[in-house]
């Protein structure tokens, strides 16, 4: 059964510390893929936001696609105030 159908995901932030130790840091594409996986299933907004926040904390800037995926996932989960917050932040940053 595909992971999407199982609706089962690993705990927050699936990037372990091991890649950082070995010199391989996840980039915006890797973070966006994880956010998209959480957003596409639905009901995992908290995990998507946590991944997004960790990406920012690690110094990686989200692109327009990353923001769109997060906002779409939040709206899908009826988290409209949160979706609006991230949309406004995106507009302020000029994305």
Protein backbone atom coordinates (compact mmCIF):
# COMPACT_ATOMS: atom_id res chain seq x y z
CA UNK A 1 0.00 0.00 0.00
CA UNK A 2 1.45 3.40 -0.96
CA UNK A 3 2.34 5.75 1.88
CA UNK A 4 -0.27 8.23 0.69
CA UNK A 5 -3.03 5.66 1.10
CA UNK A 6 -1.72 4.45 4.44
CA UNK A 7 -1.94 8.00 5.83
CA UNK A 8 1.02 7.12 7.99
CA UNK A 9 3.97 9.45 8.22
CA UNK A 10 7.15 9.58 10.22
CA UNK A 11 7.23 11.96 13.17
CA UNK A 12 8.09 15.63 12.72
CA UNK A 13 10.91 16.63 10.45
CA UNK A 14 12.06 13.45 8.75
CA UNK A 15 15.54 14.82 8.07
CA UNK A 16 17.81 13.30 10.65
CA UNK A 17 20.98 14.93 11.93
CA UNK A 18 23.04 12.32 10.12
CA UNK A 19 22.99 14.05 6.69
CA UNK A 20 24.19 17.31 8.29
CA UNK A 21 27.03 15.48 9.99
CA UNK A 22 28.07 13.92 6.69
CA UNK A 23 28.00 17.33 5.01
CA UNK A 24 24.79 16.84 3.05
CA UNK A 25 22.18 19.39 4.04
CA UNK A 26 18.61 19.23 2.69
CA UNK A 27 17.88 22.08 0.29
CA UNK A 28 14.66 23.89 -0.61
CA UNK A 29 13.69 21.08 -3.01
CA UNK A 30 13.99 18.40 -0.32
CA UNK A 31 12.07 20.46 2.22
CA UNK A 32 9.37 21.25 -0.32
CA UNK A 33 8.97 17.56 -1.14
CA UNK A 34 8.37 16.76 2.53
CA UNK A 35 5.95 19.67 2.94
CA UNK A 36 4.11 18.51 -0.19
CA UNK A 37 3.83 14.96 1.12
CA UNK A 38 2.26 16.21 4.35
CA UNK A 39 0.01 18.70 2.53
CA UNK A 40 -1.26 16.25 -0.11
CA UNK A 41 -2.54 13.70 2.36
CA UNK A 42 -4.52 16.14 4.46
CA UNK A 43 -4.73 16.24 8.21
CA UNK A 44 -0.99 16.79 8.54
CA UNK A 45 -0.87 20.59 8.57
CA UNK A 46 1.00 20.65 11.85
CA UNK A 47 3.80 18.54 10.36
CA UNK A 48 3.91 20.67 7.19
CA UNK A 49 4.20 23.87 9.25
CA UNK A 50 6.87 22.33 11.46
CA UNK A 51 8.92 21.31 8.42
CA UNK A 52 8.49 24.79 6.92
CA UNK A 53 9.59 26.44 10.17
CA UNK A 54 12.62 24.15 10.46
CA UNK A 55 13.56 25.02 6.89
CA UNK A 56 13.49 28.74 7.77
CA UNK A 57 15.43 28.11 10.98
CA UNK A 58 18.15 26.33 9.03
CA UNK A 59 18.59 29.39 6.80
CA UNK A 60 16.89 28.02 3.71
CA UNK A 61 14.51 30.45 1.99
CA UNK A 62 11.28 29.01 0.61
CA UNK A 63 10.41 29.71 -2.99
CA UNK A 64 6.97 30.51 -4.43
CA UNK A 65 6.24 26.82 -5.00
CA UNK A 66 7.08 25.91 -1.40
CA UNK A 67 4.76 28.63 -0.14
CA UNK A 68 1.97 27.62 -2.52
CA UNK A 69 2.16 23.98 -1.40
CA UNK A 70 2.00 24.96 2.27
CA UNK A 71 -0.88 27.41 1.76
CA UNK A 72 -2.83 24.91 -0.34
CA UNK A 73 -2.38 22.21 2.31
CA UNK A 74 -3.52 24.53 5.08
CA UNK A 75 -6.59 25.56 3.09
CA UNK A 76 -7.34 21.92 2.36
CA UNK A 77 -7.34 21.23 6.10
CA UNK A 78 -9.65 24.23 6.66
CA UNK A 79 -6.84 26.13 8.41
CA UNK A 80 -7.79 29.38 6.69
CA UNK A 81 -6.30 31.79 9.28
CA UNK A 82 -2.97 29.96 9.06
CA UNK A 83 -3.12 29.90 5.25
CA UNK A 84 -3.77 33.64 5.24
CA UNK A 85 -0.82 34.22 7.61
CA UNK A 86 1.61 32.41 5.30
CA UNK A 87 0.14 34.13 2.22
CA UNK A 88 0.66 37.55 3.81
CA UNK A 89 4.22 36.62 4.84
CA UNK A 90 4.89 35.52 1.27
CA UNK A 91 3.57 38.82 -0.08
CA UNK A 92 5.65 40.84 2.41
CA UNK A 93 8.78 38.98 1.26
CA UNK A 94 7.86 39.82 -2.34
CA UNK A 95 7.48 36.25 -3.51
